[in-house]
C-alpha atoms as a PDB file:
ATOM      1  CA  UNK A   1      -0.046  -0.009   0.009  1.00  0.00           C
ATOM      2  CA  UNK A   2       1.279   3.473  -0.888  1.00  0.00           C
ATOM      3  CA  UNK A   3       2.223   5.793   1.934  1.00  0.00           C
ATOM      4  CA  UNK A   4      -0.467   8.381   2.610  1.00  0.00           C
ATOM      5  CA  UNK A   5       2.169  11.146   3.043  1.00  0.00           C
ATOM      6  CA  UNK A   6       3.604  10.255  -0.394  1.00  0.00           C
ATOM      7  CA  UNK A   7       0.154  10.476  -2.012  1.00  0.00           C
ATOM      8  CA  UNK A   8      -0.539  13.873  -0.494  1.00  0.00           C
ATOM      9  CA  UNK A   9       2.605  15.507  -1.773  1.00  0.00           C
ATOM     10  CA  UNK A  10       0.917  16.294  -5.135  1.00  0.00           C
ATOM     11  CA  UNK A  11      -2.147  17.585  -3.353  1.00  0.00           C
ATOM     12  CA  UNK A  12      -0.374  19.862  -0.908  1.00  0.00           C
ATOM     13  CA  UNK A  13       1.704  21.946  -3.352  1.00  0.00           C
ATOM     14  CA  UNK A  14      -1.037  22.154  -6.023  1.00  0.00           C
ATOM     15  CA  UNK A  15       1.612  22.505  -8.770  1.00  0.00           C
ATOM     16  CA  UNK A  16       0.256  19.861 -11.076  1.00  0.00           C
ATOM     17  CA  UNK A  17       2.299  20.763 -14.168  1.00  0.00           C
ATOM     18  CA  UNK A  18       4.852  18.031 -13.425  1.00  0.00           C
ATOM     19  CA  UNK A  19       2.234  15.245 -13.021  1.00  0.00           C
ATOM     20  CA  UNK A  20       2.354  12.328 -15.449  1.00  0.00           C
ATOM     21  CA  UNK A  21      -0.093  12.531 -18.382  1.00  0.00           C
ATOM     22  CA  UNK A  22      -2.106   9.578 -16.988  1.00  0.00           C
ATOM     23  CA  UNK A  23      -2.580  11.236 -13.572  1.00  0.00           C
ATOM     24  CA  UNK A  24      -6.344  11.740 -12.900  1.00  0.00           C
ATOM     25  CA  UNK A  25      -5.853  15.498 -12.395  1.00  0.00           C
ATOM     26  CA  UNK A  26      -4.817  15.707 -16.056  1.00  0.00           C
ATOM     27  CA  UNK A  27      -6.747  12.730 -17.437  1.00  0.00           C
ATOM     28  CA  UNK A  28     -10.240  13.424 -15.973  1.00  0.00           C
ATOM     29  CA  UNK A  29     -10.595  16.997 -17.392  1.00  0.00           C
ATOM     30  CA  UNK A  30      -9.362  15.729 -20.757  1.00  0.00           C
ATOM     31  CA  UNK A  31     -11.847  12.822 -20.785  1.00  0.00           C
ATOM     32  CA  UNK A  32     -14.703  15.118 -19.698  1.00  0.00           C
ATOM     33  CA  UNK A  33     -13.990  17.431 -22.636  1.00  0.00           C
ATOM     34  CA  UNK A  34     -13.813  14.493 -24.982  1.00  0.00           C
ATOM     35  CA  UNK A  35     -17.071  13.005 -23.672  1.00  0.00           C
ATOM     36  CA  UNK A  36     -18.773  16.412 -23.994  1.00  0.00           C
ATOM     37  CA  UNK A  37     -17.614  16.696 -27.627  1.00  0.00           C
ATOM     38  CA  UNK A  38     -18.958  13.233 -28.341  1.00  0.00           C
ATOM     39  CA  UNK A  39     -22.294  14.166 -26.810  1.00  0.00           C
ATOM     40  CA  UNK A  40     -21.966  11.501 -24.046  1.00  0.00           C
ATOM     41  CA  UNK A  41     -22.433  14.129 -21.310  1.00  0.00           C
ATOM     42  CA  UNK A  42     -24.609  17.237 -21.622  1.00  0.00           C
ATOM     43  CA  UNK A  43     -25.602  20.057 -19.377  1.00  0.00           C
ATOM     44  CA  UNK A  44     -24.170  19.188 -16.040  1.00  0.00           C
ATOM     45  CA  UNK A  45     -24.736  15.462 -16.160  1.00  0.00           C
ATOM     46  CA  UNK A  46     -22.255  12.608 -16.200  1.00  0.00           C
ATOM     47  CA  UNK A  47     -19.293  11.855 -14.056  1.00  0.00           C
ATOM     48  CA  UNK A  48     -15.900  10.114 -13.987  1.00  0.00           C
ATOM     49  CA  UNK A  49     -13.780   8.715 -11.193  1.00  0.00           C
ATOM     50  CA  UNK A  50     -10.352   7.126 -11.385  1.00  0.00           C
ATOM     51  CA  UNK A  51      -8.264   5.237  -8.905  1.00  0.00           C
ATOM     52  CA  UNK A  52      -4.611   6.304  -8.829  1.00  0.00           C
ATOM     53  CA  UNK A  53      -2.368   4.406  -6.523  1.00  0.00           C
ATOM     54  CA  UNK A  54      -4.352   4.454  -3.260  1.00  0.00           C
ATOM     55  CA  UNK A  55      -6.538   7.517  -3.914  1.00  0.00           C
ATOM     56  CA  UNK A  56      -9.792   7.980  -5.752  1.00  0.00           C
ATOM     57  CA  UNK A  57     -10.209  11.110  -7.936  1.00  0.00           C
ATOM     58  CA  UNK A  58     -13.752  12.167  -8.739  1.00  0.00           C
ATOM     59  CA  UNK A  59     -15.127  14.751 -11.154  1.00  0.00           C
ATOM     60  CA  UNK A  60     -17.822  16.771  -9.479  1.00  0.00           C
ATOM     61  CA  UNK A  61     -21.376  16.184 -10.634  1.00  0.00           C
ATOM     62  CA  UNK A  62     -23.547  19.065 -11.786  1.00  0.00           C
ATOM     63  CA  UNK A  63     -20.849  21.234 -13.438  1.00  0.00           C
ATOM     64  CA  UNK A  64     -20.010  22.005 -17.033  1.00  0.00           C
ATOM     65  CA  UNK A  65     -17.995  19.007 -17.995  1.00  0.00           C
ATOM     66  CA  UNK A  66     -16.065  20.626 -20.836  1.00  0.00           C
ATOM     67  CA  UNK A  67     -14.723  23.297 -18.441  1.00  0.00           C
ATOM     68  CA  UNK A  68     -13.471  21.097 -15.615  1.00  0.00           C
ATOM     69  CA  UNK A  69      -9.963  21.989 -14.431  1.00  0.00           C
ATOM     70  CA  UNK A  70      -7.557  19.839 -12.401  1.00  0.00           C
ATOM     71  CA  UNK A  71      -8.416  21.721  -9.195  1.00  0.00           C
ATOM     72  CA  UNK A  72     -12.128  20.936  -9.525  1.00  0.00           C
ATOM     73  CA  UNK A  73     -11.669  17.265  -8.530  1.00  0.00           C
ATOM     74  CA  UNK A  74     -12.622  15.583  -5.269  1.00  0.00           C
ATOM     75  CA  UNK A  75      -9.914  13.312  -3.821  1.00  0.00           C
ATOM     76  CA  UNK A  76     -10.830  10.475  -1.456  1.00  0.00           C
ATOM     77  CA  UNK A  77      -9.065   7.644   0.281  1.00  0.00           C
ATOM     78  CA  UNK A  78      -9.996   4.032  -0.473  1.00  0.00           C
ATOM     79  CA  UNK A  79     -12.013   4.094   2.797  1.00  0.00           C
ATOM     80  CA  UNK A  80     -14.100   7.007   1.505  1.00  0.00           C
ATOM     81  CA  UNK A  81     -12.573   9.880   3.482  1.00  0.00           C
ATOM     82  CA  UNK A  82     -12.464  13.158   1.485  1.00  0.00           C
ATOM     83  CA  UNK A  83      -8.983  14.685   1.678  1.00  0.00           C
ATOM     84  CA  UNK A  84      -9.413  17.359  -1.020  1.00  0.00           C
ATOM     85  CA  UNK A  85     -12.475  19.229  -2.293  1.00  0.00           C
ATOM     86  CA  UNK A  86     -13.052  21.562  -5.230  1.00  0.00           C
ATOM     87  CA  UNK A  87     -13.365  25.365  -4.553  1.00  0.00           C
ATOM     88  CA  UNK A  88     -16.471  26.254  -2.605  1.00  0.00           C
ATOM     89  CA  UNK A  89     -17.797  28.451  -5.421  1.00  0.00           C
ATOM     90  CA  UNK A  90     -18.103  25.451  -7.739  1.00  0.00           C
ATOM     91  CA  UNK A  91     -21.898  24.944  -7.864  1.00  0.00           C
ATOM     92  CA  UNK A  92     -23.055  21.323  -7.889  1.00  0.00           C
ATOM     93  CA  UNK A  93     -26.297  20.524  -9.698  1.00  0.00           C
ATOM     94  CA  UNK A  94     -27.889  17.934 -11.964  1.00  0.00           C
ATOM     95  CA  UNK A  95     -30.186  18.388 -14.999  1.00  0.00           C
ATOM     96  CA  UNK A  96     -33.440  19.645 -13.384  1.00  0.00           C
ATOM     97  CA  UNK A  97     -31.335  20.645 -10.365  1.00  0.00           C
ATOM     98  CA  UNK A  98     -29.256  22.724 -12.784  1.00  0.00           C
ATOM     99  CA  UNK A  99     -32.189  25.049 -13.445  1.00  0.00           C
ATOM    100  CA  UNK A 100     -32.681  28.024 -11.169  1.00  0.00           C
ATOM    101  CA  UNK A 101     -36.071  29.127  -9.937  1.00  0.00           C
ATOM    102  CA  UNK A 102     -36.353  32.557 -11.463  1.00  0.00           C
ATOM    103  CA  UNK A 103     -38.277  34.138  -8.635  1.00  0.00           C
ATOM    104  CA  UNK A 104     -35.580  33.321  -6.076  1.00  0.00           C
ATOM    105  CA  UNK A 105     -32.009  34.401  -5.345  1.00  0.00           C
ATOM    106  CA  UNK A 106     -30.391  31.024  -5.043  1.00  0.00           C
ATOM    107  CA  UNK A 107     -33.031  28.265  -5.047  1.00  0.00           C
ATOM    108  CA  UNK A 108     -32.744  25.612  -7.747  1.00  0.00           C
ATOM    109  CA  UNK A 109     -35.328  22.962  -8.757  1.00  0.00           C
ATOM    110  CA  UNK A 110     -35.366  19.677  -6.921  1.00  0.00           C
ATOM    111  CA  UNK A 111     -35.733  16.365  -8.689  1.00  0.00           C
ATOM    112  CA  UNK A 112     -39.327  16.051  -7.459  1.00  0.00           C
ATOM    113  CA  UNK A 113     -40.399  19.631  -8.454  1.00  0.00           C
ATOM    114  CA  UNK A 114     -42.627  20.364 -11.459  1.00  0.00           C
ATOM    115  CA  UNK A 115     -40.789  22.403 -14.075  1.00  0.00           C
ATOM    116  CA  UNK A 116     -43.072  24.586 -16.220  1.00  0.00           C
ATOM    117  CA  UNK A 117     -41.707  26.163 -19.387  1.00  0.00           C
ATOM    118  CA  UNK A 118     -44.184  28.600 -20.998  1.00  0.00           C
ATOM    119  CA  UNK A 119     -44.741  28.524 -24.741  1.00  0.00           C
ATOM    120  CA  UNK A 120     -45.609  31.620 -26.719  1.00  0.00           C
ATOM    121  CA  UNK A 121     -46.516  32.056 -30.344  1.00  0.00           C
ATOM    122  CA  UNK A 122     -43.923  33.156 -32.858  1.00  0.00           C
ATOM    123  CA  UNK A 123     -44.090  36.497 -34.702  1.00  0.00           C
ATOM    124  CA  UNK A 124     -42.523  37.777 -37.942  1.00  0.00           C
ATOM    125  CA  UNK A 125     -40.233  40.139 -36.061  1.00  0.00           C
ATOM    126  CA  UNK A 126     -38.463  39.336 -32.809  1.00  0.00           C
ATOM    127  CA  UNK A 127     -39.303  42.733 -31.325  1.00  0.00           C
ATOM    128  CA  UNK A 128     -42.980  41.747 -31.534  1.00  0.00           C
ATOM    129  CA  UNK A 129     -42.394  38.943 -29.032  1.00  0.00           C
ATOM    130  CA  UNK A 130     -41.762  41.438 -26.245  1.00  0.00           C
ATOM    131  CA  UNK A 131     -45.368  41.659 -24.991  1.00  0.00           C
ATOM    132  CA  UNK A 132     -46.135  37.887 -24.933  1.00  0.00           C
ATOM    133  CA  UNK A 133     -42.652  37.203 -23.482  1.00  0.00           C
ATOM    134  CA  UNK A 134     -43.293  39.686 -20.666  1.00  0.00           C
ATOM    135  CA  UNK A 135     -46.701  38.113 -19.968  1.00  0.00           C
ATOM    136  CA  UNK A 136     -45.223  34.607 -19.821  1.00  0.00           C
ATOM    137  CA  UNK A 137     -42.501  35.655 -17.379  1.00  0.00           C
ATOM    138  CA  UNK A 138     -45.039  37.474 -15.185  1.00  0.00           C
ATOM    139  CA  UNK A 139     -47.379  34.498 -15.192  1.00  0.00           C
ATOM    140  CA  UNK A 140     -44.548  31.991 -14.460  1.00  0.00           C
ATOM    141  CA  UNK A 141     -42.015  33.900 -12.308  1.00  0.00           C
ATOM    142  CA  UNK A 142     -40.023  30.715 -11.543  1.00  0.00           C
ATOM    143  CA  UNK A 143     -39.114  30.183 -15.215  1.00  0.00           C
ATOM    144  CA  UNK A 144     -35.710  30.995 -16.677  1.00  0.00           C
ATOM    145  CA  UNK A 145     -36.812  29.966 -20.154  1.00  0.00           C
ATOM    146  CA  UNK A 146     -39.615  30.589 -22.657  1.00  0.00           C
ATOM    147  CA  UNK A 147     -40.193  28.472 -25.748  1.00  0.00           C
ATOM    148  CA  UNK A 148     -41.242  30.250 -28.926  1.00  0.00           C
ATOM    149  CA  UNK A 149     -43.357  27.961 -31.022  1.00  0.00           C
ATOM    150  CA  UNK A 150     -41.668  26.877 -34.320  1.00  0.00           C
ATOM    151  CA  UNK A 151     -38.685  29.097 -33.544  1.00  0.00           C
ATOM    152  CA  UNK A 152     -36.608  28.242 -30.483  1.00  0.00           C
ATOM    153  CA  UNK A 153     -36.019  29.055 -26.819  1.00  0.00           C
ATOM    154  CA  UNK A 154     -34.917  32.002 -24.752  1.00  0.00           C
ATOM    155  CA  UNK A 155     -32.926  31.095 -21.656  1.00  0.00           C
ATOM    156  CA  UNK A 156     -31.411  33.531 -19.210  1.00  0.00           C
ATOM    157  CA  UNK A 157     -29.261  33.389 -16.102  1.00  0.00           C
ATOM    158  CA  UNK A 158     -27.259  35.483 -13.652  1.00  0.00           C
ATOM    159  CA  UNK A 159     -24.076  34.836 -15.735  1.00  0.00           C
ATOM    160  CA  UNK A 160     -23.375  33.419 -19.169  1.00  0.00           C
ATOM    161  CA  UNK A 161     -22.050  30.231 -17.550  1.00  0.00           C
ATOM    162  CA  UNK A 162     -25.337  29.723 -15.603  1.00  0.00           C
ATOM    163  CA  UNK A 163     -27.397  30.505 -18.777  1.00  0.00           C
ATOM    164  CA  UNK A 164     -25.337  28.013 -20.810  1.00  0.00           C
ATOM    165  CA  UNK A 165     -25.650  25.272 -18.185  1.00  0.00           C
ATOM    166  CA  UNK A 166     -29.430  25.794 -17.897  1.00  0.00           C
ATOM    167  CA  UNK A 167     -29.731  25.791 -21.724  1.00  0.00           C
ATOM    168  CA  UNK A 168     -28.051  22.402 -21.852  1.00  0.00           C
ATOM    169  CA  UNK A 169     -30.191  21.147 -18.953  1.00  0.00           C
ATOM    170  CA  UNK A 170     -33.380  22.286 -20.671  1.00  0.00           C
ATOM    171  CA  UNK A 171     -32.258  20.640 -23.949  1.00  0.00           C
ATOM    172  CA  UNK A 172     -31.642  17.357 -22.171  1.00  0.00           C
ATOM    173  CA  UNK A 173     -34.979  17.450 -20.375  1.00  0.00           C
ATOM    174  CA  UNK A 174     -36.838  18.348 -23.569  1.00  0.00           C
ATOM    175  CA  UNK A 175     -35.189  15.462 -25.416  1.00  0.00           C
ATOM    176  CA  UNK A 176     -36.150  13.037 -22.619  1.00  0.00           C
ATOM    177  CA  UNK A 177     -39.794  14.372 -22.661  1.00  0.00           C
ATOM    178  CA  UNK A 178     -40.061  13.954 -26.472  1.00  0.00           C
ATOM    179  CA  UNK A 179     -38.588  10.437 -26.334  1.00  0.00           C
ATOM    180  CA  UNK A 180     -40.997   9.440 -23.502  1.00  0.00           C
ATOM    181  CA  UNK A 181     -43.911  10.866 -25.529  1.00  0.00           C
ATOM    182  CA  UNK A 182     -42.869   8.837 -28.590  1.00  0.00           C
ATOM    183  CA  UNK A 183     -42.927   5.719 -26.458  1.00  0.00           C
ATOM    184  CA  UNK A 184     -46.376   6.418 -25.102  1.00  0.00           C
ATOM    185  CA  UNK A 185     -45.144   7.561 -21.670  1.00  0.00           C
ATOM    186  CA  UNK A 186     -46.356  10.726 -19.915  1.00  0.00           C
ATOM    187  CA  UNK A 187     -43.308  12.838 -19.020  1.00  0.00           C
ATOM    188  CA  UNK A 188     -45.430  14.900 -16.630  1.00  0.00           C
ATOM    189  CA  UNK A 189     -46.543  11.855 -14.603  1.00  0.00           C
ATOM    190  CA  UNK A 190     -44.927  11.642 -11.157  1.00  0.00           C
ATOM    191  CA  UNK A 191     -42.969   8.457 -10.586  1.00  0.00           C
ATOM    192  CA  UNK A 192     -44.334   5.929  -8.143  1.00  0.00           C
ATOM    193  CA  UNK A 193     -42.799   5.879  -4.697  1.00  0.00           C
ATOM    194  CA  UNK A 194     -41.115   2.552  -3.834  1.00  0.00           C
ATOM    195  CA  UNK A 195     -40.254   1.508  -0.306  1.00  0.00           C
ATOM    196  CA  UNK A 196     -37.376  -0.608  -1.586  1.00  0.00           C
ATOM    197  CA  UNK A 197     -34.303   0.684  -3.446  1.00  0.00           C
ATOM    198  CA  UNK A 198     -34.851  -2.261  -5.856  1.00  0.00           C
ATOM    199  CA  UNK A 199     -37.733  -2.231  -8.336  1.00  0.00           C
END
């Protein structure tokens, strides 16, 4: 078994430029970018973990995978103790949890919340959408997106990073809803509650 002090030497100095190319701090961000380009991860979904010697390196869930940097990783011992965490300002979310409730400062949707995205009719000129867009936002203050029929979607956020993440989350959720509908499933139906973790 590798000495714990030896393993921590890379973590303490945080100068990762001399790490081997197959070290998780270099490999995980590279793989996350590749998986994003291949469409294997979208929005903030997906995750990777790698064992290196006697430590486990984990990509955080709920972040933009193509923008992960070496310092964003969690590091744990084989017994599950966390010895290194990403910066505190790295927000962790997942698909529906990646969408902010527009009427609140910091609250995000939970997996069991109902997400409503208003749909407005398209117009010949974008400037003519202003009135119906305003009405939709006033009627649904929790929304951060409005669909324009036969045109596209408007998504907004506090920063471009948050808007981009939410846009990818909406895209993922819309794709799931369409696929469910094509298979005769109701995407709005709440899942049954099971007492057992096994179905």
